[in-house]
Amino acid sequence: MLRISLLLRGILAVFLLYQAGCDLLSPADESGRGSIVSSSLVWSKTKDDLTNTYNEQLPIQLGTFGVDTYKIVYNTVDADGKATIASGLVQFPTNTGSLKNYPMLVEFNGTITHDDQAPTRSSFYPILTSMYATSGYIVVVPDHLGFGDNPQALHPYVHAGTTVTVSVDLMRAARKLASEKGFKWNRKVFITGYSQGGYSALALHRGLDDEYSSEFSVSASAPMAGPYSLAGAMADMILAEKPHPNPFYLPYLLLAYNDIYKFGPNDSDYLKTPYNTTLRPLYNRKYFGGEINQSLPDVPLHILKTEFLNDFKSNPNNGLRKALKENERYDWKPKAPIHFYHCSGDQDVPPSNSQLAYNKLKANGATVTLTDPAPGEDHGGCFIQAFFASKGWIAEQNLNK
């Protein structure tokens, strides 16, 4: 879990966005997926309010415009395609003077396990994402399934399909709310996120390209420190006989994937005693990752049954291995540029994830860049440097589009 104190590390570079775009007709009313169940104003802050808040928590950042932050509950689907609801944040820049048309930016949070960490329930996260809204973006932040107002007990961790559907449907709801509130979207779409959010950003970029390009055309994406190579770099990490700083990642993925792909199909088919009974109750949205770590061995693979582990190592058709491969999303040729950010000292998510994704995309002919924004920094220490570096790059892409 990234703590607020991490945001005080490093020198913060600030990039302000000024741009104008063309008017866009209000979107047609939608029913079903993406339709709004409810919307409510969470807070409204002037640029001076934001500057004061940033000075307390994020030195050097200045407010450019005011920001209105809304919570939306909307209709979407679960991993089985069944109707459900989800929630998320939508932020609009206010008092923007001559700037009347705004790009959309989708931002994804990193790995969370407690409902209080969900963007719509966190007091801090909307402040972080408002740094885009105060610079002139319509900001869209999904809670994901398994958090916020969604009733699902277990979040489908790093699952590409639900990441895309829950995000697209929030984008649709945000588009409708923008029309209702008089904010004009200029059809540009930028995507970013850190850690799991980096994975989500890349998954959404490809999902929009593959399935929703007539509705949302990606302008650029900036995935940061994500586990893109699930069947490669992350599988190697699973198999390593080494302690991990956050062993709760592995059972999170195992439980979520088994619910979807049924490779067990029971937890006792792949988890040793007592983990086959003790772990699932810890992923009930009421425990933080650090608390879950206390119930796990430092070496994550020690929770796996020997026969399952051996099959995972040797069998290319192992159910978990196939699920990992199915959820990789970096082998395609995107039209829009991608800029990866990953620090060389990351022990949570190996930097080889970004290198492998970069290499494949480059070979496919994509416009892609990989930057180490703070050489030697670990996963937590890298965040703020990556955040501001990517924010500046997205601002440049916006001005150039």
Protein backbone atom coordinates (compact mmCIF):
# COMPACT_ATOMS: atom_id res chain seq x y z
CA MET A 1 0.00 0.00 0.00
CA LEU A 2 1.33 3.40 -0.96
CA ARG A 3 1.22 5.76 1.98
CA ILE A 4 0.84 9.52 1.87
CA SER A 5 4.32 9.93 3.33
CA LEU A 6 5.79 8.53 0.11
CA LEU A 7 4.43 11.56 -1.71
CA LEU A 8 6.86 13.79 0.15
CA ARG A 9 9.86 12.06 -1.40
CA GLY A 10 11.84 13.47 -4.26
CA ILE A 11 11.68 16.70 -6.21
CA LEU A 12 8.23 17.23 -7.67
CA ALA A 13 8.03 18.59 -11.21
CA VAL A 14 4.77 20.27 -12.13
CA PHE A 15 3.33 20.49 -15.60
CA LEU A 16 0.26 22.62 -16.26
CA LEU A 17 -2.07 22.02 -19.15
CA TYR A 18 -3.65 24.72 -21.27
CA GLN A 19 -5.47 23.60 -24.36
CA ALA A 20 -8.64 24.17 -26.32
CA GLY A 21 -10.63 21.79 -28.45
CA CYS A 22 -13.70 21.43 -30.57
CA ASP A 23 -17.26 21.24 -29.28
CA LEU A 24 -18.84 17.81 -29.02
CA LEU A 25 -22.53 17.09 -29.21
CA SER A 26 -24.01 15.63 -26.04
CA PRO A 27 -23.98 11.83 -26.07
CA ALA A 28 -27.26 10.06 -26.63
CA ASP A 29 -29.04 8.58 -23.65
CA GLU A 30 -27.81 5.07 -22.91
CA SER A 31 -29.52 2.13 -21.28
CA GLY A 32 -27.90 -0.94 -19.80
CA ARG A 33 -24.11 -0.90 -19.50
CA GLY A 34 -22.74 2.52 -18.65
CA SER A 35 -26.06 4.00 -17.60
CA ILE A 36 -26.02 6.03 -14.39
CA VAL A 37 -27.73 4.63 -11.30
CA SER A 38 -26.86 7.64 -9.16
CA SER A 39 -24.42 10.54 -9.02
CA SER A 40 -23.53 12.81 -6.12
CA LEU A 41 -21.14 15.70 -5.57
CA VAL A 42 -18.39 14.64 -3.15
CA TRP A 43 -16.64 17.99 -2.92
CA SER A 44 -16.07 21.20 -4.83
CA LYS A 45 -12.80 23.07 -4.40
CA THR A 46 -11.45 26.31 -5.85
CA LYS A 47 -7.93 26.48 -7.23
CA ASP A 48 -6.86 28.22 -4.00
CA ASP A 49 -8.42 25.43 -1.92
CA LEU A 50 -6.47 22.91 -3.96
CA THR A 51 -3.22 24.85 -3.73
CA ASN A 52 -3.54 24.93 0.06
CA THR A 53 -4.27 21.19 0.14
CA TYR A 54 -1.36 20.39 -2.18
CA ASN A 55 0.99 22.52 -0.09
CA GLU A 56 0.08 20.41 2.94
CA GLN A 57 0.54 17.04 1.22
CA LEU A 58 2.28 17.60 -2.12
CA PRO A 59 4.75 20.50 -2.01
CA ILE A 60 5.21 22.60 -5.16
CA GLN A 61 1.99 21.43 -6.87
CA LEU A 62 -0.29 24.40 -7.64
CA GLY A 63 -3.96 24.51 -8.41
CA THR A 64 -4.71 25.88 -11.89
CA PHE A 65 -8.50 25.47 -12.04
CA GLY A 66 -11.12 24.52 -9.49
CA VAL A 67 -12.33 20.91 -9.35
CA ASP A 68 -15.73 19.31 -8.79
CA THR A 69 -15.52 15.66 -7.69
CA TYR A 70 -18.49 13.34 -8.20
CA LYS A 71 -19.18 9.78 -7.18
CA ILE A 72 -21.06 7.76 -9.81
CA VAL A 73 -22.80 4.43 -9.37
CA TYR A 74 -23.42 2.85 -12.77
CA ASN A 75 -24.46 -0.34 -14.53
CA THR A 76 -21.85 -2.79 -15.77
CA VAL A 77 -21.22 -6.55 -15.95
CA ASP A 78 -19.18 -9.06 -13.95
CA ALA A 79 -16.71 -11.68 -15.20
CA ASP A 80 -19.59 -13.92 -16.29
CA GLY A 81 -21.28 -11.11 -18.21
CA LYS A 82 -24.06 -10.80 -15.64
CA ALA A 83 -25.48 -7.38 -14.84
CA THR A 84 -24.15 -5.66 -11.73
CA ILE A 85 -23.32 -2.17 -10.48
CA ALA A 86 -19.99 -0.48 -9.86
CA SER A 87 -18.81 2.88 -8.61
CA GLY A 88 -16.11 5.38 -9.44
CA LEU A 89 -15.00 8.99 -9.31
CA VAL A 90 -15.45 11.59 -12.02
CA GLN A 91 -13.75 14.98 -11.68
CA PHE A 92 -14.33 18.12 -13.72
CA PRO A 93 -12.21 21.28 -13.96
CA THR A 94 -14.14 24.44 -13.05
CA ASN A 95 -13.67 28.18 -13.58
CA THR A 96 -11.46 27.44 -16.57
CA GLY A 97 -11.86 30.76 -18.38
CA SER A 98 -11.43 30.35 -22.12
CA LEU A 99 -10.81 26.61 -21.85
CA LYS A 100 -14.17 25.03 -22.67
CA ASN A 101 -13.34 21.57 -24.04
CA TYR A 102 -11.56 18.91 -22.04
CA PRO A 103 -9.71 15.64 -22.67
CA MET A 104 -10.68 12.59 -20.65
CA LEU A 105 -8.06 10.91 -18.47
CA VAL A 106 -8.64 7.47 -16.96
CA GLU A 107 -6.51 6.86 -13.85
CA PHE A 108 -6.13 3.53 -12.07
CA ASN A 109 -5.10 2.95 -8.46
CA GLY A 110 -2.54 0.36 -7.39
CA THR A 111 -3.22 -2.86 -5.49
CA ILE A 112 -5.67 -2.48 -2.61
CA THR A 113 -7.46 -5.00 -0.41
CA HIS A 114 -9.54 -2.86 1.99
CA ASP A 115 -12.70 -1.04 0.96
CA ASP A 116 -11.47 2.14 2.66
CA GLN A 117 -8.73 2.28 0.02
CA ALA A 118 -11.19 2.38 -2.89
CA PRO A 119 -11.06 5.74 -4.71
CA THR A 120 -14.65 6.65 -3.81
CA ARG A 121 -14.05 5.85 -0.12
CA SER A 122 -10.57 7.29 0.27
CA SER A 123 -10.16 10.88 1.43
CA PHE A 124 -6.72 11.14 -0.15
CA TYR A 125 -7.07 9.49 -3.56
CA PRO A 126 -9.41 12.13 -5.03
CA ILE A 127 -6.83 14.76 -4.02
CA LEU A 128 -4.14 12.88 -5.92
CA THR A 129 -6.22 12.49 -9.09
CA SER A 130 -7.43 16.10 -8.86
CA MET A 131 -3.93 17.12 -9.94
CA TYR A 132 -5.04 16.13 -13.43
CA ALA A 133 -8.47 17.74 -13.13
CA THR A 134 -7.01 21.04 -11.92
CA SER A 135 -4.86 21.00 -15.06
CA GLY A 136 -7.88 20.74 -17.36
CA TYR A 137 -8.84 17.06 -17.68
CA ILE A 138 -12.09 15.22 -17.09
CA VAL A 139 -10.75 12.54 -14.74
CA VAL A 140 -12.31 9.07 -14.52
CA VAL A 141 -11.28 6.71 -11.69
CA PRO A 142 -12.93 3.26 -11.40
CA ASP A 143 -13.28 1.53 -8.03
CA HIS A 144 -13.20 -1.83 -9.89
CA LEU A 145 -15.40 -4.81 -9.14
CA GLY A 146 -15.08 -5.98 -5.56
CA PHE A 147 -14.76 -2.47 -4.12
CA GLY A 148 -16.91 0.57 -3.50
CA ASP A 149 -20.60 -0.02 -4.20
CA ASN A 150 -20.05 -3.25 -6.12
CA PRO A 151 -21.36 -6.19 -4.04
CA GLN A 152 -18.80 -8.77 -5.19
CA ALA A 153 -16.87 -10.22 -2.25
CA LEU A 154 -13.51 -10.72 -3.98
CA HIS A 155 -11.94 -8.28 -6.42
CA PRO A 156 -10.95 -9.95 -9.75
CA TYR A 157 -7.31 -9.00 -9.35
CA VAL A 158 -5.36 -8.26 -12.57
CA HIS A 159 -8.16 -9.68 -14.71
CA ALA A 160 -8.13 -7.97 -18.09
CA GLY A 161 -11.74 -8.60 -19.10
CA THR A 162 -13.42 -7.01 -16.10
CA THR A 163 -10.82 -4.24 -15.97
CA VAL A 164 -11.92 -3.20 -19.45
CA THR A 165 -15.68 -3.53 -19.01
CA VAL A 166 -15.85 -1.75 -15.65
CA SER A 167 -13.69 1.07 -17.06
CA VAL A 168 -15.50 1.48 -20.37
CA ASP A 169 -18.83 1.61 -18.58
CA LEU A 170 -17.58 4.30 -16.19
CA MET A 171 -16.26 6.26 -19.17
CA ARG A 172 -19.74 6.05 -20.68
CA ALA A 173 -21.32 7.21 -17.43
CA ALA A 174 -18.77 10.04 -17.15
CA ARG A 175 -19.53 11.12 -20.71
CA LYS A 176 -23.21 11.31 -19.87
CA LEU A 177 -22.62 13.18 -16.59
CA ALA A 178 -20.33 15.63 -18.39
CA SER A 179 -23.12 16.38 -20.85
CA GLU A 180 -25.63 16.87 -18.04
CA LYS A 181 -23.31 19.23 -16.16
CA GLY A 182 -22.29 21.22 -19.24
CA PHE A 183 -18.70 19.96 -19.54
CA LYS A 184 -17.61 19.28 -23.12
CA TRP A 185 -15.38 16.30 -23.82
CA ASN A 186 -13.11 16.83 -26.84
CA ARG A 187 -12.81 13.09 -27.64
CA LYS A 188 -9.22 12.75 -26.49
CA VAL A 189 -8.57 9.82 -24.13
CA PHE A 190 -5.45 9.41 -21.99
CA ILE A 191 -4.83 6.47 -19.65
CA THR A 192 -2.43 6.01 -16.75
CA GLY A 193 -1.96 4.11 -13.51
CA TYR A 194 0.67 2.66 -11.19
CA SER A 195 1.37 -0.95 -10.13
CA GLN A 196 -1.89 -2.85 -10.67
CA GLY A 197 -2.98 0.47 -12.14
CA GLY A 198 -0.20 0.19 -14.71
CA TYR A 199 -1.50 -3.23 -15.73
CA SER A 200 -5.04 -1.82 -15.88
CA ALA A 201 -3.91 1.11 -18.03
CA LEU A 202 -2.32 -1.18 -20.61
CA ALA A 203 -5.28 -3.59 -20.54
CA LEU A 204 -7.72 -0.73 -21.12
CA HIS A 205 -5.61 0.72 -23.94
CA ARG A 206 -5.70 -2.59 -25.77
CA GLY A 207 -9.34 -3.21 -24.89
CA LEU A 208 -10.37 0.13 -26.37
CA ASP A 209 -8.31 -0.55 -29.51
CA ASP A 210 -9.73 -4.05 -29.95
CA GLU A 211 -13.37 -3.58 -28.99
CA TYR A 212 -14.40 0.04 -28.45
CA SER A 213 -12.37 2.15 -30.88
CA SER A 214 -15.46 3.62 -32.54
CA GLU A 215 -16.55 4.93 -29.15
CA PHE A 216 -13.25 5.84 -27.46
CA SER A 217 -10.04 6.42 -29.39
CA VAL A 218 -6.89 6.39 -27.24
CA SER A 219 -4.61 9.42 -27.57
CA ALA A 220 -1.77 8.06 -25.40
CA SER A 221 -1.18 5.89 -22.34
CA ALA A 222 1.41 5.93 -19.56
CA PRO A 223 1.44 2.61 -17.66
CA MET A 224 3.71 2.63 -14.60
CA ALA A 225 5.38 -0.31 -12.82
CA GLY A 226 2.75 -2.86 -13.78
CA PRO A 227 2.80 -6.69 -13.89
CA TYR A 228 2.34 -6.95 -17.66
CA SER A 229 4.26 -10.20 -18.18
CA LEU A 230 2.08 -12.42 -16.02
CA ALA A 231 3.15 -15.73 -17.57
CA GLY A 232 6.78 -14.60 -17.84
CA ALA A 233 8.30 -12.20 -15.32
CA MET A 234 5.58 -12.68 -12.71
CA ALA A 235 5.56 -16.47 -13.09
CA ASP A 236 9.33 -16.44 -12.60
CA MET A 237 8.80 -14.45 -9.41
CA ILE A 238 6.21 -16.99 -8.21
CA LEU A 239 8.71 -19.81 -8.75
CA ALA A 240 11.62 -18.04 -7.08
CA GLU A 241 12.65 -19.40 -3.69
CA LYS A 242 13.00 -15.85 -2.41
CA PRO A 243 11.18 -13.70 0.14
CA HIS A 244 8.84 -11.10 -1.34
CA PRO A 245 8.10 -7.73 0.29
CA ASN A 246 4.36 -8.29 -0.20
CA PRO A 247 3.53 -12.00 -0.30
CA PHE A 248 -0.20 -11.21 -0.26
CA TYR A 249 -0.06 -10.56 -4.03
CA LEU A 250 0.16 -14.26 -4.92
CA PRO A 251 -2.89 -15.59 -3.03
CA TYR A 252 -4.83 -12.53 -4.21
CA LEU A 253 -4.20 -13.57 -7.80
CA LEU A 254 -4.75 -17.28 -7.13
CA LEU A 255 -8.10 -16.80 -5.41
CA ALA A 256 -9.36 -14.31 -7.99
CA TYR A 257 -8.30 -16.41 -10.98
CA ASN A 258 -9.65 -19.63 -9.50
CA ASP A 259 -13.04 -17.98 -9.08
CA ILE A 260 -13.02 -17.12 -12.78
CA TYR A 261 -11.12 -20.00 -14.43
CA LYS A 262 -11.79 -22.85 -11.96
CA PHE A 263 -8.31 -24.35 -12.36
CA GLY A 264 -8.55 -25.85 -8.85
CA PRO A 265 -11.46 -25.91 -8.82
CA ASN A 266 -11.32 -25.84 -4.99
CA ASP A 267 -8.83 -23.82 -2.96
CA SER A 268 -7.66 -27.06 -1.34
CA ASP A 269 -6.59 -28.34 -4.77
CA TYR A 270 -3.70 -25.89 -4.98
CA LEU A 271 -3.19 -24.41 -1.50
CA LYS A 272 -1.49 -26.21 1.37
CA THR A 273 -3.09 -26.60 4.76
CA PRO A 274 -3.88 -24.28 6.55
CA TYR A 275 -3.84 -21.72 3.73
CA ASN A 276 -6.65 -23.50 1.89
CA THR A 277 -9.03 -22.33 4.62
CA THR A 278 -7.34 -19.32 6.24
CA LEU A 279 -6.58 -17.12 3.23
CA ARG A 280 -9.90 -16.52 1.49
CA PRO A 281 -11.55 -14.89 4.55
CA LEU A 282 -8.70 -12.34 4.62
CA TYR A 283 -9.64 -11.05 1.15
CA ASN A 284 -13.09 -9.87 2.22
CA ARG A 285 -12.44 -6.12 1.77
CA LYS A 286 -11.81 -5.67 5.51
CA TYR A 287 -8.05 -6.27 5.79
CA PHE A 288 -5.10 -4.26 4.51
CA GLY A 289 -2.30 -5.90 2.57
CA GLY A 290 0.13 -5.51 5.46
CA GLU A 291 -2.26 -7.34 7.76
CA ILE A 292 -2.64 -10.20 5.27
CA ASN A 293 1.15 -10.43 4.95
CA GLN A 294 1.34 -11.38 8.63
CA SER A 295 -0.56 -14.59 7.89
CA LEU A 296 1.73 -15.63 5.04
CA PRO A 297 5.24 -17.05 4.67
CA ASP A 298 7.86 -14.64 3.34
CA VAL A 299 8.41 -16.93 0.33
CA PRO A 300 5.04 -16.88 -1.48
CA LEU A 301 5.31 -20.24 -3.26
CA HIS A 302 5.39 -22.00 0.11
CA ILE A 303 1.59 -21.73 0.22
CA LEU A 304 1.27 -23.96 -2.87
CA LYS A 305 0.78 -27.72 -2.77
CA THR A 306 3.80 -29.58 -4.14
CA GLU A 307 1.87 -31.43 -6.82
CA PHE A 308 0.25 -28.23 -8.09
CA LEU A 309 3.57 -26.38 -8.06
CA ASN A 310 5.27 -29.17 -10.01
CA ASP A 311 2.48 -29.16 -12.58
CA PHE A 312 2.73 -25.38 -12.90
CA LYS A 313 6.47 -25.70 -13.54
CA SER A 314 6.29 -28.46 -16.14
CA ASN A 315 2.86 -28.39 -17.77
CA PRO A 316 2.22 -25.66 -20.37
CA ASN A 317 -1.50 -26.47 -20.08
CA ASN A 318 -1.59 -25.91 -16.33
CA GLY A 319 -4.79 -23.98 -15.61
CA LEU A 320 -3.10 -21.16 -13.75
CA ARG A 321 -0.38 -20.78 -16.37
CA LYS A 322 -3.00 -20.59 -19.14
CA ALA A 323 -4.97 -17.99 -17.17
CA LEU A 324 -1.85 -15.88 -16.69
CA LYS A 325 -1.11 -15.99 -20.41
CA GLU A 326 -4.69 -15.15 -21.30
CA ASN A 327 -4.50 -11.97 -19.24
CA GLU A 328 -1.30 -10.61 -20.79
CA ARG A 329 -2.16 -7.58 -22.91
CA TYR A 330 1.03 -6.26 -24.49
CA ASP A 331 1.25 -8.16 -27.79
CA TRP A 332 -0.45 -5.88 -30.32
CA LYS A 333 0.28 -2.77 -32.39
CA PRO A 334 -1.44 0.25 -30.85
CA LYS A 335 -2.00 3.38 -32.92
CA ALA A 336 -1.37 5.72 -29.98
CA PRO A 337 1.99 6.09 -28.20
CA ILE A 338 2.76 4.29 -24.94
CA HIS A 339 5.30 5.46 -22.36
CA PHE A 340 6.25 2.95 -19.67
CA TYR A 341 7.75 4.08 -16.36
CA HIS A 342 9.51 1.61 -14.04
CA CYS A 343 12.30 2.01 -11.49
CA SER A 344 15.24 -0.37 -11.52
CA GLY A 345 15.07 -1.01 -7.76
CA ASP A 346 11.50 -2.34 -7.79
CA GLN A 347 11.30 -5.55 -5.72
CA ASP A 348 7.49 -5.85 -5.78
CA VAL A 349 6.99 -5.85 -9.55
CA PRO A 350 10.21 -6.75 -11.42
CA PRO A 351 11.27 -4.09 -13.98
CA SER A 352 11.57 -6.92 -16.52
CA ASN A 353 7.78 -6.65 -16.87
CA SER A 354 8.13 -3.27 -18.53
CA GLN A 355 11.19 -4.31 -20.53
CA LEU A 356 9.42 -7.36 -21.97
CA ALA A 357 6.31 -5.34 -22.83
CA TYR A 358 8.43 -2.59 -24.37
CA ASN A 359 10.41 -5.08 -26.47
CA LYS A 360 7.29 -6.79 -27.83
CA LEU A 361 5.47 -3.56 -28.63
CA LYS A 362 8.59 -2.12 -30.27
CA ALA A 363 8.94 -5.25 -32.41
CA ASN A 364 5.28 -4.90 -33.39
CA GLY A 365 5.95 -1.39 -34.71
CA ALA A 366 4.39 0.60 -31.87
CA THR A 367 5.53 4.05 -30.76
CA VAL A 368 6.76 3.11 -27.31
CA THR A 369 9.20 4.47 -24.71
CA LEU A 370 10.54 3.07 -21.43
CA THR A 371 11.88 5.40 -18.73
CA ASP A 372 13.38 4.77 -15.30
CA PRO A 373 12.26 7.97 -13.53
CA ALA A 374 14.30 7.35 -10.35
CA PRO A 375 17.06 4.77 -10.81
CA GLY A 376 17.44 2.46 -7.84
CA GLU A 377 14.15 3.39 -6.16
CA ASP A 378 11.86 0.62 -4.94
CA HIS A 379 8.18 0.18 -5.79
CA GLY A 380 6.92 2.71 -3.26
CA GLY A 381 9.71 5.22 -3.70
CA CYS A 382 9.30 5.24 -7.47
CA PHE A 383 5.65 6.25 -7.42
CA ILE A 384 5.76 10.00 -7.03
CA GLN A 385 8.61 10.48 -9.52
CA ALA A 386 6.81 8.28 -12.05
CA PHE A 387 3.51 10.08 -11.42
CA PHE A 388 4.86 13.53 -12.18
CA ALA A 389 7.06 12.39 -15.07
CA SER A 390 4.09 10.69 -16.71
CA LYS A 391 1.86 13.68 -16.01
CA GLY A 392 4.27 15.91 -17.89
CA TRP A 393 4.51 13.48 -20.80
CA ILE A 394 0.71 13.22 -21.06
CA ALA A 395 0.49 17.03 -21.09
CA GLU A 396 2.95 17.10 -24.00
CA GLN A 397 0.95 14.46 -25.88
CA ASN A 398 -2.24 16.42 -25.30
CA LEU A 399 -0.74 19.60 -26.74
CA ASN A 400 0.60 17.70 -29.75
CA LYS A 401 -2.63 15.91 -30.64
